[in-house]
Protein backbone atom coordinates (compact mmCIF):
# COMPACT_ATOMS: atom_id res chain seq x y z
CA MET A 1 230.08 236.85 182.18
CA LYS A 2 227.16 235.74 179.86
CA SER A 3 227.43 238.57 177.44
CA PRO A 4 230.81 237.93 175.99
CA ARG A 5 229.38 234.27 174.66
CA LEU A 6 226.19 235.46 172.97
CA ILE A 7 228.47 237.77 170.52
CA PRO A 8 230.45 234.94 169.25
CA MET A 9 226.86 233.08 168.79
CA VAL A 10 225.26 236.25 167.05
CA ILE A 11 228.33 236.46 164.87
CA LEU A 12 227.95 232.82 163.85
CA ALA A 13 224.33 233.27 163.23
CA ALA A 14 224.92 236.14 160.95
CA SER A 15 227.89 234.36 159.15
CA LEU A 16 225.23 231.14 158.53
CA LEU A 17 222.43 233.44 157.54
CA LEU A 18 225.18 235.20 154.85
CA GLY A 19 226.14 231.93 153.52
CA LEU A 20 222.61 230.46 152.98
CA LYS A 21 221.69 233.76 151.08
CA PHE A 22 224.93 233.25 148.98
CA LEU A 23 223.58 229.87 148.06
CA ALA A 24 220.05 230.68 147.30
CA PHE A 25 221.67 233.41 144.68
CA SER A 26 224.09 230.83 142.92
CA LEU A 27 221.22 228.35 142.94
CA ALA A 28 219.09 230.93 141.19
CA THR A 29 221.73 232.07 138.84
CA ASP A 30 222.01 228.43 137.91
CA VAL A 31 218.43 227.84 136.93
CA SER A 32 218.46 230.99 134.96
CA ALA A 33 221.29 229.84 132.89
CA GLN A 34 219.54 226.30 132.36
CA GLU A 35 216.60 228.23 131.42
CA ARG A 36 218.17 230.11 128.84
CA MET A 37 220.03 227.16 127.34
CA LEU A 38 216.70 224.91 127.36
CA GLY A 39 214.91 227.84 125.15
CA ALA A 40 217.83 227.99 122.81
CA ILE A 41 217.68 224.06 121.85
CA GLN A 42 214.03 223.68 121.97
CA TYR A 43 214.01 222.82 118.34
CA PHE A 44 214.89 219.49 119.23
CA LYS A 45 211.85 218.91 121.30
CA GLY A 46 213.76 215.81 123.03
CA PRO A 47 213.98 215.20 126.56
CA VAL A 48 216.40 217.12 128.18
CA THR A 49 218.17 216.20 131.57
CA VAL A 50 220.41 218.04 133.84
CA GLY A 51 223.08 216.06 135.48
CA LYS A 52 224.66 216.37 138.90
CA GLY A 53 227.23 219.10 137.59
CA LYS A 54 224.25 221.16 136.30
CA GLU A 55 225.11 220.69 132.69
CA ALA A 56 222.03 220.16 129.90
CA LYS A 57 222.11 217.26 127.68
CA VAL A 58 219.86 217.28 124.95
CA VAL A 59 218.75 214.17 122.82
CA ASP A 60 217.57 213.86 119.36
CA PRO A 61 214.14 211.92 119.36
CA ALA A 62 215.05 210.84 115.73
CA THR A 63 218.36 209.32 116.01
CA GLY A 64 218.66 209.10 119.80
CA ILE A 65 222.16 210.69 119.61
CA GLU A 66 223.27 213.04 122.19
CA VAL A 67 224.10 216.56 120.65
CA ASP A 68 225.86 219.73 121.75
CA PRO A 69 223.15 222.25 121.79
CA ILE A 70 225.52 225.47 122.47
CA VAL A 71 228.52 224.90 120.33
CA THR A 72 228.12 222.86 116.95
CA GLY A 73 224.46 221.30 117.71
CA SER A 74 225.50 217.95 116.88
CA GLY A 75 226.78 215.37 119.25
CA ALA A 76 228.95 212.21 118.96
CA PRO A 77 227.61 208.98 117.85
CA PRO A 78 225.51 206.91 120.11
CA PRO A 79 227.71 204.07 122.21
CA ASP A 80 226.95 200.65 120.91
CA ALA A 81 226.14 197.74 123.09
CA HIS A 82 229.45 197.67 125.30
CA GLY A 83 229.13 201.61 125.86
CA GLU A 84 231.82 202.43 122.84
CA ALA A 85 231.30 204.59 120.33
CA PRO A 86 231.63 202.91 116.86
CA LYS A 87 234.96 203.21 115.03
CA GLU A 88 235.64 204.30 111.88
CA GLY A 89 235.32 202.04 108.87
CA GLY A 90 233.27 199.62 111.12
CA HIS A 91 229.86 198.16 110.09
CA ASP A 92 227.96 200.82 112.18
CA ALA A 93 229.96 203.93 111.25
CA PRO A 94 228.24 206.29 108.63
CA LYS A 95 228.96 205.73 105.00
CA ALA A 96 231.06 208.34 103.19
CA PRO A 97 229.36 209.72 100.04
CA ALA A 98 230.31 207.77 97.07
CA LYS A 99 232.95 209.32 94.68
CA PRO A 100 231.46 209.74 90.86
CA GLU A 101 233.19 207.40 88.73
CA PHE A 102 234.86 208.63 85.26
CA LYS A 103 234.84 206.05 82.11
CA ILE A 104 236.68 206.84 79.29
CA THR A 105 235.40 205.56 76.14
CA LYS A 106 236.14 206.08 72.45
CA ASP A 107 232.62 206.04 71.32
CA LYS A 108 230.90 208.66 69.65
CA PRO A 109 229.03 210.83 71.90
CA GLU A 110 225.16 211.22 71.09
CA GLU A 111 224.45 214.28 69.23
CA ALA A 112 222.40 216.79 71.29
CA LYS A 113 218.86 216.90 70.05
CA PRO A 114 217.65 219.96 69.01
CA LEU A 115 214.90 221.96 71.33
CA PRO A 116 211.36 221.85 69.72
CA GLY A 117 211.26 225.65 69.37
CA LYS A 118 214.69 225.48 67.23
CA ASP A 119 212.87 222.95 65.01
CA LEU A 120 209.83 225.06 64.71
CA ARG A 121 211.84 227.96 63.79
CA SER A 122 213.84 225.99 61.20
CA GLU A 123 210.86 224.76 59.60
CA ILE A 124 209.04 228.35 59.61
CA GLU A 125 212.38 229.58 57.77
CA VAL A 126 212.50 226.54 55.16
CA LEU A 127 208.82 227.52 54.65
CA GLN A 128 209.25 231.06 53.96
CA LYS A 129 212.46 230.65 51.50
CA LEU A 130 210.24 227.77 49.70
CA ALA A 131 207.57 230.74 49.46
CA GLU A 132 209.90 233.28 48.24
CA ARG A 133 211.44 230.60 45.54
CA ARG A 134 207.79 229.86 44.48
CA LYS A 135 207.33 233.91 43.85
CA GLN A 136 210.58 234.08 42.12
CA LEU A 137 209.55 230.94 39.99
CA GLU A 138 205.98 232.52 39.27
CA GLU A 139 207.49 235.86 38.44
CA MET A 140 209.62 234.06 35.76
CA GLU A 141 206.97 232.05 34.50
CA ARG A 142 204.83 235.27 33.64
CA GLN A 143 207.84 237.01 32.11
CA LEU A 144 208.40 233.80 29.91
CA LYS A 145 204.65 233.47 29.09
CA MET A 146 204.67 237.44 28.34
CA ARG A 147 207.69 236.87 25.97
CA GLU A 148 206.17 234.07 24.20
CA ASP A 149 203.22 235.95 23.64
CA LEU A 150 205.15 238.59 22.15
CA VAL A 151 207.02 236.07 20.02
CA LYS A 152 203.76 234.97 18.98
CA ALA A 153 202.21 238.27 18.14
CA ALA A 154 205.50 238.93 16.01
CA GLU A 155 205.05 235.90 14.31
CA ASP A 156 201.86 236.40 13.47
CA ARG A 157 202.70 239.88 12.04
CA MET A 158 205.28 238.39 10.06
CA GLY A 159 203.10 235.69 8.56
CA LYS A 160 200.60 238.36 7.45
CA ARG A 161 203.46 240.71 6.07
CA VAL A 162 204.60 237.52 4.02
CA ASP A 163 201.21 236.83 2.94
CA GLU A 164 200.74 240.36 1.70
CA LEU A 165 204.28 240.04 0.00
CA GLN A 166 203.23 237.11 -1.81
CA SER A 167 200.11 238.61 -2.81
CA ILE A 168 201.93 241.62 -4.39
CA GLU A 169 204.75 239.24 -5.82
CA GLY A 170 201.77 237.17 -7.76
CA LYS A 171 200.20 240.63 -8.75
CA ILE A 172 203.37 241.69 -10.19
CA ASP A 173 204.09 238.71 -11.78
CA GLY A 174 200.49 238.80 -13.24
CA ASP A 175 201.00 242.19 -14.42
CA LEU A 176 204.44 241.76 -15.90
CA LYS A 177 203.30 238.59 -17.82
CA SER A 178 200.47 240.27 -18.95
CA LYS A 179 202.63 243.27 -20.42
CA ASP A 180 205.01 240.70 -21.56
CA ASP A 181 202.28 238.75 -23.48
CA ALA A 182 200.76 241.79 -24.83
CA LYS A 183 204.37 243.14 -25.90
CA LYS A 184 204.99 239.70 -27.54
CA LYS A 185 201.49 240.00 -29.27
CA GLU A 186 202.62 243.53 -30.26
CA LEU A 187 205.76 242.71 -31.83
CA ALA A 188 204.37 239.13 -33.17
CA ASP A 189 201.80 241.79 -35.27
CA LEU A 190 204.62 243.91 -36.25
CA VAL A 191 206.87 240.98 -37.49
CA LYS A 192 203.97 239.74 -39.45
CA MET A 193 203.52 243.32 -40.99
CA TYR A 194 206.87 244.09 -41.70
CA GLU A 195 207.63 240.03 -43.12
CA SER A 196 204.55 240.78 -45.44
CA MET A 197 206.12 244.21 -46.80
CA LYS A 198 208.87 244.24 -49.72
CA ALA A 199 212.67 244.28 -48.39
CA LYS A 200 213.07 247.74 -49.94
CA ASP A 201 209.96 249.28 -47.98
CA ALA A 202 210.83 247.60 -44.84
CA ALA A 203 214.34 248.65 -44.95
CA ARG A 204 213.50 252.22 -45.29
CA VAL A 205 211.21 251.86 -42.24
CA PHE A 206 213.98 249.81 -40.18
CA ASP A 207 216.31 252.72 -41.09
CA ARG A 208 214.51 255.42 -38.91
CA LEU A 209 213.45 252.94 -35.95
CA ASP A 210 215.33 252.85 -32.38
CA VAL A 211 217.88 250.08 -32.37
CA GLY A 212 216.47 248.45 -29.38
CA LEU A 213 213.17 248.15 -30.85
CA LEU A 214 215.00 247.33 -33.97
CA ALA A 215 216.49 244.37 -32.20
CA ASP A 216 213.37 243.25 -30.68
CA LEU A 217 211.66 242.91 -34.03
CA ALA A 218 214.77 241.28 -35.53
CA ARG A 219 214.72 238.50 -33.26
CA GLN A 220 211.48 237.81 -33.84
CA MET A 221 211.41 237.80 -37.76
CA ASN A 222 212.26 235.00 -40.06
CA PRO A 223 216.08 235.11 -40.44
CA LYS A 224 215.69 234.64 -44.71
CA LYS A 225 213.15 237.60 -44.26
CA LEU A 226 215.52 239.62 -42.21
CA GLY A 227 218.47 239.35 -44.38
CA ASP A 228 216.83 240.60 -46.96
CA VAL A 229 215.53 243.90 -45.16
CA ILE A 230 218.85 244.28 -43.84
CA ALA A 231 220.59 244.01 -47.38
CA LYS A 232 218.23 247.08 -48.59
CA MET A 233 219.10 249.17 -45.25
CA SER A 234 221.70 251.77 -44.88
CA PRO A 235 225.23 250.18 -43.92
CA GLU A 236 225.39 252.57 -40.44
CA VAL A 237 221.75 251.45 -39.14
CA ALA A 238 222.59 247.63 -40.43
CA GLU A 239 226.12 247.38 -38.59
CA LYS A 240 224.50 248.81 -35.41
CA LEU A 241 221.62 246.44 -35.69
CA THR A 242 223.95 243.67 -35.87
CA VAL A 243 226.40 244.82 -33.05
CA GLU A 244 223.13 244.90 -30.77
CA LEU A 245 221.84 241.54 -31.60
CA ALA A 246 225.10 240.28 -31.02
CA ASN A 247 225.37 242.14 -27.47
CA ARG A 248 222.06 240.42 -26.56
CA ARG A 249 222.77 237.01 -27.44
CA GLY A 250 226.09 237.29 -25.47
CA ALA A 251 224.48 238.76 -22.58
CA GLU A 252 221.57 236.02 -22.38
CA ALA A 253 224.36 233.41 -22.67
CA ALA A 254 226.58 234.52 -19.67
CA VAL A 255 223.56 235.77 -17.26
CA PRO A 256 220.79 233.66 -16.74
CA GLN A 257 217.24 235.47 -16.49
CA ALA A 258 216.44 237.61 -13.46
CA GLY A 259 213.46 235.58 -12.83
CA LYS A 260 215.16 232.63 -12.73
CA ASP A 261 217.86 233.79 -10.10
CA LEU A 262 215.53 235.61 -7.77
CA PRO A 263 214.25 233.32 -4.99
CA LYS A 264 210.46 233.06 -4.34
CA ILE A 265 208.92 234.33 -1.11
CA GLN A 266 207.96 231.07 0.86
CA GLY A 267 204.91 231.39 3.16
CA LYS A 268 204.80 230.32 6.62
CA SER A 269 203.78 226.64 6.58
């Protein structure tokens, strides 16, 4: 009757063996998960501990704060001396970033200084404009100099022409004076000749002379001698001579001599 008792023992041993295998498989699975977790958080290079619940804990070596390696990579702040986390607004709480302050003022803002490149370009443009203006002024000066030279040349030509005209005028005046002197001398000689003649003989010659020449001779003769000659002349010629002498005296009284009215040519001073 020992055989029936052996079967339950075999069943119990098989059950125990199956349980041990299941436990070994579970432990191997947990170790593989822990190794994967440790590889994911290796950048922390801090101590890693596994608690009783087989959960990995990572501590940041710089701050000493526990971080969550899987979800956020950050953990709760370290507890204080009493084991409690620092509250918000406390002395140990991290400071929030300061907000920028805005101040309203009526002061005029400072003018922005131009960049050095703009200053250089502006100076170059100014220099270029000055160079162009200088060229324009030089061109204007050249044109004015050329016009001045032309005016001076024209003045020189006019001066030479005036000198020539003055020379011609002097020559003409000299010729006229010479002719007048010669004519006056001839008339004076004729006057002397006719005055020395008898009145009857002189009257016979005057009757055949031109009235113009006769008037010139009559104006130069002695009035007494002229009266004797006219008394012996024919009435028609004597009348013409009297009218011609009267017209000449009237013309001389009304119109001045042409030589006195004509302006003299003035030379260049």
